[in-house]
Protein backbone atom coordinates (compact mmCIF):
# COMPACT_ATOMS: atom_id res chain seq x y z
CA MET A 1 -76.90 -1.40 -9.01
CA SER A 2 -76.32 0.53 -5.86
CA TYR A 3 -75.70 4.16 -6.66
CA THR A 4 -75.59 7.67 -5.32
CA GLY A 5 -76.53 10.63 -7.45
CA PRO A 6 -78.60 13.78 -7.75
CA GLY A 7 -82.38 13.71 -7.59
CA PHE A 8 -84.24 12.09 -10.42
CA GLU A 9 -86.01 14.13 -13.04
CA PRO A 10 -89.58 13.37 -14.00
CA PRO A 11 -90.03 11.81 -17.43
CA GLN A 12 -90.93 14.37 -20.08
CA PRO A 13 -94.38 14.38 -21.77
CA ARG A 14 -94.60 11.95 -24.64
CA ARG A 15 -95.43 12.90 -28.18
CA PRO A 16 -98.64 11.42 -29.58
CA ARG A 17 -98.18 7.89 -30.90
CA ARG A 18 -99.38 6.42 -34.15
CA GLY A 19 -102.83 4.88 -34.29
CA PRO A 20 -101.75 1.21 -34.29
CA LEU A 21 -99.54 1.77 -31.26
CA THR A 22 -102.44 3.31 -29.33
CA VAL A 23 -104.62 0.30 -30.11
CA ALA A 24 -101.83 -2.04 -29.01
CA LEU A 25 -101.40 -0.11 -25.78
CA ALA A 26 -105.10 -0.40 -25.00
CA ALA A 27 -104.86 -4.16 -25.40
CA LEU A 28 -101.73 -4.61 -23.29
CA VAL A 29 -102.09 -2.23 -20.34
CA PRO A 30 -105.03 -4.08 -18.66
CA GLY A 31 -102.90 -7.22 -18.60
CA ALA A 32 -100.01 -5.26 -17.15
CA LEU A 33 -102.22 -3.85 -14.42
CA LEU A 34 -103.39 -7.38 -13.59
CA GLY A 35 -99.72 -8.34 -13.19
CA TRP A 36 -99.26 -5.47 -10.72
CA ALA A 37 -102.25 -6.69 -8.72
CA VAL A 38 -100.77 -10.18 -8.53
CA TYR A 39 -97.47 -8.72 -7.39
CA ALA A 40 -99.16 -6.66 -4.67
CA THR A 41 -100.87 -9.79 -3.37
CA VAL A 42 -97.53 -11.61 -3.09
CA GLY A 43 -95.73 -8.84 -1.24
CA GLY A 44 -96.82 -5.40 -0.04
CA SER A 45 -95.07 -2.15 -0.74
CA GLY A 46 -92.86 -0.30 1.66
CA ASP A 47 -92.51 3.40 2.32
CA ASP A 48 -91.49 5.49 -0.66
CA LYS A 49 -87.74 5.91 -0.61
CA GLY A 50 -85.31 7.02 -3.30
CA ALA A 51 -82.40 4.77 -4.25
CA ALA A 52 -79.98 7.00 -2.34
CA GLY A 53 -81.74 9.95 -3.95
CA SER A 54 -85.08 11.71 -4.34
CA ALA A 55 -88.04 9.84 -5.81
CA ALA A 56 -89.16 10.95 -9.25
CA THR A 57 -92.80 11.64 -10.00
CA SER A 58 -94.60 11.56 -13.30
CA ALA A 59 -98.09 11.44 -14.70
CA SER A 60 -97.01 9.08 -17.45
CA THR A 61 -97.19 5.31 -17.19
CA PRO A 62 -95.02 2.61 -18.75
CA SER A 63 -96.39 1.40 -22.02
CA ALA A 64 -95.61 -1.26 -24.57
CA SER A 65 -96.91 -2.05 -27.98
CA ALA A 66 -97.84 -5.52 -29.05
CA SER A 67 -94.61 -7.38 -29.42
CA VAL A 68 -93.60 -10.41 -31.37
CA PRO A 69 -92.77 -12.78 -28.53
CA ALA A 70 -89.41 -14.43 -28.73
CA THR A 71 -89.42 -18.18 -28.34
CA SER A 72 -88.95 -18.93 -24.66
CA ARG A 73 -86.10 -21.34 -24.40
CA ALA A 74 -83.92 -21.57 -21.32
CA PRO A 75 -80.15 -21.70 -21.76
CA SER A 76 -78.42 -24.99 -21.08
CA SER A 77 -77.49 -23.73 -17.62
CA SER A 78 -78.41 -20.82 -15.36
CA GLY A 79 -74.96 -19.35 -15.77
CA ALA A 80 -73.24 -20.04 -19.05
CA SER A 81 -69.49 -20.31 -19.08
CA PRO A 82 -67.60 -17.17 -20.10
CA THR A 83 -66.72 -17.12 -23.76
CA ALA A 84 -64.01 -15.47 -25.78
CA GLY A 85 -64.69 -12.16 -27.46
CA ALA A 86 -65.13 -11.67 -31.18
CA ASP A 87 -61.40 -11.13 -31.52
CA GLY A 88 -60.64 -14.53 -29.97
CA LYS A 89 -59.31 -13.15 -26.69
CA LYS A 90 -59.74 -15.50 -23.76
CA PRO A 91 -60.63 -14.71 -20.14
CA GLY A 92 -57.93 -12.58 -18.62
CA ALA A 93 -57.55 -10.36 -21.69
CA SER A 94 -56.25 -6.86 -21.15
CA PRO A 95 -58.75 -4.65 -19.30
CA THR A 96 -58.00 -1.87 -21.76
CA ASP A 97 -59.24 -3.91 -24.70
CA THR A 98 -62.38 -2.30 -26.13
CA SER A 99 -63.61 -5.23 -28.21
CA PRO A 100 -66.98 -6.42 -26.85
CA SER A 101 -67.82 -10.06 -26.35
CA ALA A 102 -69.67 -11.07 -29.50
CA SER A 103 -71.80 -13.88 -30.82
CA VAL A 104 -72.79 -15.19 -34.22
CA PRO A 105 -76.21 -13.89 -35.36
CA ALA A 106 -79.00 -16.26 -36.29
CA ALA A 107 -79.30 -16.93 -40.03
CA SER A 108 -82.80 -15.48 -40.31
CA GLY A 109 -85.63 -13.94 -38.31
CA PRO A 110 -87.53 -10.68 -37.91
CA LEU A 111 -84.47 -8.96 -36.38
CA LYS A 112 -82.03 -9.99 -39.11
CA GLY A 113 -79.71 -7.04 -39.72
CA LYS A 114 -80.34 -5.52 -36.29
CA VAL A 115 -77.57 -5.15 -33.71
CA VAL A 116 -78.34 -5.36 -30.00
CA VAL A 117 -75.73 -4.71 -27.33
CA ILE A 118 -76.39 -6.15 -23.88
CA ASP A 119 -74.44 -4.53 -21.06
CA PRO A 120 -74.26 -6.85 -18.00
CA GLY A 121 -73.76 -4.41 -15.15
CA HIS A 122 -70.43 -4.70 -13.29
CA ASN A 123 -68.02 -7.61 -13.64
CA PRO A 124 -67.50 -10.56 -11.26
CA GLY A 125 -63.79 -9.66 -11.16
CA ASN A 126 -64.35 -6.08 -9.97
CA VAL A 127 -64.13 -7.14 -6.33
CA GLN A 128 -60.48 -8.11 -6.85
CA HIS A 129 -59.66 -4.83 -8.62
CA THR A 130 -61.05 -2.08 -6.44
CA THR A 131 -58.12 0.27 -7.10
CA GLU A 132 -58.64 0.05 -10.86
CA ILE A 133 -62.41 0.48 -10.79
CA ASN A 134 -62.20 3.40 -8.36
CA ARG A 135 -60.24 5.56 -10.79
CA GLN A 136 -62.19 8.52 -12.13
CA VAL A 137 -63.43 8.72 -15.72
CA ASP A 138 -65.13 11.52 -17.63
CA ILE A 139 -68.90 11.09 -18.05
CA GLY A 140 -69.52 14.43 -19.75
CA THR A 141 -71.25 16.21 -16.88
CA ASN A 142 -68.52 15.41 -14.35
CA ARG A 143 -66.17 12.60 -13.34
CA LYS A 144 -67.15 9.35 -11.62
CA GLU A 145 -65.66 6.00 -10.71
CA CYS A 146 -64.75 3.67 -13.58
CA ASP A 147 -67.21 1.10 -12.19
CA THR A 148 -68.37 -0.41 -8.91
CA THR A 149 -68.52 -3.93 -7.52
CA GLY A 150 -72.31 -3.84 -7.62
CA THR A 151 -74.55 -5.05 -4.84
CA SER A 152 -75.71 -8.49 -3.65
CA THR A 153 -78.52 -10.20 -1.79
CA ASN A 154 -78.22 -10.59 1.97
CA ASP A 155 -77.22 -14.21 1.30
CA GLY A 156 -74.35 -13.16 -0.98
CA TYR A 157 -75.77 -13.68 -4.48
CA ALA A 158 -73.87 -11.04 -6.46
CA GLU A 159 -75.45 -8.55 -8.83
CA ALA A 160 -72.61 -9.24 -11.29
CA LYS A 161 -73.60 -12.93 -11.38
CA PHE A 162 -77.27 -12.02 -11.87
CA THR A 163 -76.60 -9.62 -14.73
CA LEU A 164 -74.46 -12.11 -16.66
CA ASP A 165 -77.04 -14.84 -16.29
CA VAL A 166 -79.87 -12.64 -17.59
CA ALA A 167 -77.60 -11.40 -20.40
CA HIS A 168 -76.88 -14.97 -21.53
CA ARG A 169 -80.58 -15.79 -21.57
CA MET A 170 -81.37 -12.62 -23.52
CA ARG A 171 -78.63 -13.38 -26.04
CA THR A 172 -80.22 -16.75 -26.80
CA LEU A 173 -83.71 -15.28 -27.17
CA LEU A 174 -82.61 -12.39 -29.40
CA GLN A 175 -80.42 -14.57 -31.61
CA GLU A 176 -83.47 -16.76 -32.20
CA GLN A 177 -85.13 -13.63 -33.58
CA GLY A 178 -82.21 -13.08 -35.99
CA ALA A 179 -80.42 -10.27 -34.15
CA THR A 180 -76.67 -9.86 -33.95
CA VAL A 181 -76.00 -9.71 -30.19
CA ARG A 182 -72.89 -8.39 -28.46
CA LEU A 183 -72.08 -8.26 -24.75
CA THR A 184 -69.95 -5.46 -23.28
CA GLN A 185 -68.32 -8.09 -21.06
CA ASP A 186 -68.73 -11.79 -20.43
CA ALA A 187 -66.42 -12.24 -17.43
CA ASP A 188 -63.71 -12.45 -20.09
CA ARG A 189 -61.57 -9.66 -18.67
CA PRO A 190 -60.14 -9.05 -15.17
CA PHE A 191 -62.46 -6.11 -14.42
CA GLY A 192 -64.65 -3.50 -16.07
CA PRO A 193 -65.13 -2.19 -18.66
CA CYS A 194 -65.42 1.30 -17.23
CA VAL A 195 -68.71 3.11 -17.74
CA ASP A 196 -67.30 5.32 -20.51
CA GLU A 197 -65.99 2.28 -22.38
CA ARG A 198 -69.33 0.51 -22.01
CA ALA A 199 -70.93 3.41 -23.85
CA ARG A 200 -68.25 3.37 -26.56
CA ILE A 201 -68.84 -0.34 -27.21
CA GLY A 202 -72.48 0.30 -28.10
CA ASN A 203 -71.56 3.36 -30.15
CA LYS A 204 -68.84 1.54 -32.10
CA ALA A 205 -71.22 -1.33 -32.86
CA GLU A 206 -73.76 1.22 -34.18
CA ALA A 207 -76.27 -0.70 -32.10
CA ASP A 208 -79.97 -0.37 -32.83
CA ALA A 209 -80.62 -0.81 -29.09
CA VAL A 210 -78.50 -1.13 -25.95
CA VAL A 211 -79.79 -2.34 -22.60
CA SER A 212 -77.75 -2.32 -19.40
CA ILE A 213 -78.86 -5.00 -16.93
CA HIS A 214 -78.79 -4.32 -13.18
CA ALA A 215 -80.41 -5.12 -9.84
CA ASP A 216 -80.72 -2.45 -7.17
CA GLY A 217 -79.32 -2.32 -3.63
CA SER A 218 -81.93 -0.19 -1.88
CA GLY A 219 -83.46 -0.68 1.58
CA ALA A 220 -85.65 -3.59 2.64
CA GLY A 221 -89.31 -2.98 1.79
CA ASN A 222 -88.39 -1.19 -1.41
CA ARG A 223 -89.58 -3.44 -4.21
CA GLY A 224 -90.13 -3.64 -7.94
CA PHE A 225 -88.28 -2.78 -11.14
CA HIS A 226 -87.54 0.51 -12.84
CA VAL A 227 -86.14 1.46 -16.23
CA ILE A 228 -83.67 4.35 -16.29
CA LEU A 229 -83.87 6.69 -19.29
CA PRO A 230 -81.24 9.22 -20.43
CA GLY A 231 -82.00 12.86 -19.81
CA ALA A 232 -81.12 15.58 -22.29
CA VAL A 233 -77.43 16.30 -21.67
CA ARG A 234 -75.04 18.47 -23.63
CA ALA A 235 -71.80 18.86 -21.72
CA GLY A 236 -68.21 17.95 -22.47
CA ALA A 237 -68.13 14.68 -24.41
CA ALA A 238 -71.83 14.04 -23.74
CA ASP A 239 -74.68 14.94 -26.07
CA THR A 240 -77.77 12.78 -25.63
CA ARG A 241 -80.29 15.03 -27.38
CA SER A 242 -80.68 12.75 -30.40
CA ILE A 243 -81.27 9.60 -28.35
CA VAL A 244 -83.67 10.87 -25.68
CA GLU A 245 -86.86 10.17 -27.67
CA PRO A 246 -85.95 6.70 -29.05
CA SER A 247 -84.51 5.68 -25.69
CA ARG A 248 -87.78 6.62 -24.00
CA GLU A 249 -89.72 4.49 -26.47
CA LEU A 250 -87.32 1.59 -25.90
CA GLY A 251 -87.71 1.98 -22.13
CA GLU A 252 -91.49 2.15 -22.25
CA ARG A 253 -91.73 -0.99 -24.34
CA ILE A 254 -89.35 -2.86 -22.05
CA ALA A 255 -91.29 -1.74 -18.96
CA GLY A 256 -94.63 -2.84 -20.40
CA ASN A 257 -93.35 -6.24 -21.51
CA PHE A 258 -91.48 -6.77 -18.24
CA VAL A 259 -94.73 -6.35 -16.32
CA ARG A 260 -96.59 -8.61 -18.73
CA VAL A 261 -94.10 -11.48 -18.64
CA THR A 262 -92.81 -11.39 -15.03
CA GLY A 263 -95.89 -10.07 -13.22
CA SER A 264 -93.57 -7.71 -11.33
CA SER A 265 -94.72 -4.27 -10.31
CA PRO A 266 -93.02 -0.94 -11.01
CA SER A 267 -90.78 0.32 -8.21
CA ASN A 268 -92.53 1.59 -5.11
CA TYR A 269 -89.61 3.87 -4.21
CA VAL A 270 -88.63 5.72 -7.42
CA GLY A 271 -90.50 6.69 -10.56
CA GLY A 272 -93.82 7.63 -9.03
CA GLY A 273 -95.29 4.22 -9.86
CA THR A 274 -94.48 4.49 -13.57
CA GLY A 275 -91.45 2.20 -13.59
CA LEU A 276 -89.59 4.93 -15.48
CA VAL A 277 -86.87 7.23 -14.14
CA THR A 278 -84.85 9.86 -16.02
CA ARG A 279 -81.24 10.51 -14.98
CA LYS A 280 -78.36 12.68 -16.15
CA ASP A 281 -75.59 11.35 -13.90
CA LEU A 282 -74.83 7.97 -15.48
CA GLY A 283 -71.89 7.82 -17.85
CA GLY A 284 -73.24 4.78 -19.65
CA LEU A 285 -76.22 6.87 -20.76
CA ASN A 286 -74.59 10.30 -21.06
CA LEU A 287 -71.93 9.10 -23.49
CA SER A 288 -74.20 6.91 -25.62
CA THR A 289 -74.96 7.98 -29.18
CA VAL A 290 -77.43 5.12 -29.77
CA PRO A 291 -80.75 4.32 -28.02
CA LYS A 292 -79.94 2.98 -24.57
CA VAL A 293 -81.61 2.34 -21.22
CA PHE A 294 -80.78 0.69 -17.92
CA ILE A 295 -83.14 -1.68 -16.12
CA GLU A 296 -83.02 -2.37 -12.39
CA CYS A 297 -84.84 -5.71 -12.34
CA GLY A 298 -85.58 -5.63 -8.62
CA ASN A 299 -84.08 -4.84 -5.22
CA MET A 300 -81.55 -7.41 -4.03
CA ARG A 301 -81.77 -6.14 -0.45
CA ASP A 302 -85.46 -6.92 -0.11
CA SER A 303 -86.10 -10.56 0.81
CA LYS A 304 -89.16 -10.93 -1.45
CA ASP A 305 -87.44 -9.40 -4.48
CA ALA A 306 -84.30 -11.40 -3.70
CA ALA A 307 -86.32 -14.63 -3.85
CA LEU A 308 -87.25 -13.72 -7.43
CA LEU A 309 -83.81 -12.55 -8.50
CA THR A 310 -82.19 -15.78 -7.28
CA SER A 311 -84.72 -17.98 -9.10
CA GLY A 312 -83.57 -19.32 -12.47
CA ALA A 313 -87.18 -19.62 -13.63
CA TRP A 314 -87.85 -15.97 -12.80
CA ARG A 315 -84.62 -14.84 -14.46
CA GLN A 316 -85.81 -16.55 -17.63
CA LYS A 317 -89.02 -14.53 -17.42
CA ALA A 318 -87.01 -11.35 -16.86
CA ALA A 319 -84.88 -12.10 -19.92
CA GLN A 320 -88.02 -12.82 -21.95
CA GLY A 321 -89.73 -9.60 -20.87
CA ILE A 322 -86.72 -7.42 -21.65
CA SER A 323 -86.13 -9.20 -24.96
CA ASP A 324 -89.78 -8.85 -25.98
CA GLY A 325 -89.53 -5.12 -25.30
CA ILE A 326 -86.45 -4.88 -27.51
CA VAL A 327 -88.15 -6.86 -30.29
CA SER A 328 -91.22 -4.59 -30.07
CA PHE A 329 -89.01 -1.48 -30.27
CA LEU A 330 -86.95 -2.69 -33.20
CA ARG A 331 -89.95 -3.82 -35.21
CA GLY A 332 -91.76 -0.50 -34.65
């Protein structure tokens, strides 16, 4: 996701965790640090640079508790064909329709009864509907564009294609764990949904967790992933105070598992090396009433990160890491 916004805020101090979580953290973090070392060997870091904004700093580090790994099974193809939504609408349905793309939950598993909403950032059709996605919508703190086209690698691999592919892989993994999984879009509408509608889809589903999938469009040399957490906002239609704490826990668990599974390092240009960034200028977070985070899986404009993002094998690892973080969060 290529974005412009105010400076990032440092993550707030965490409340003490329960005993079992602390033990799990002690077991997992050394492995995560080893993954960072491997990453650094593959490609060095560039100068610190904000993603069109100031870099955030924090003394906290991403953490994850021991998760119940989802079975790693690749989808039948790297980009599954768009499917109809739960209401039976086919591709080309009205862009004002608020019904999310849905899927049948697995019959059993540790996440039976849990609802996960996956929000694939942008929409492949946005590029043909720039007028529509440029219209302003209310995000609580101010007004912003409905959506953007997203970014791409220097070779033209689109962020919207990446996010859908990872979303499909995650859907498979989470359904195997028994979760009911819904997508905010599956290329089954001309464009969008807008950022405010994306939030409403998760809210209406009463999701136990929502994750918005993205890839950044920062400068070459800027590498690594970062998880974006909602800041405490109370303005207009936005009130995130009740979701700040659970969203932080969700984000920490995703960050820790992402490092463990992919071997990727936290961003070297935002987040102060923690892989965590807090923002108050994103409508998808501001308007959410359920735990939600964004993840920028890497920087599409850096050749080394782009080589990962365009690899189907790596995207499977990314989907596994994010899914494992969700499973860990939902199981407590």
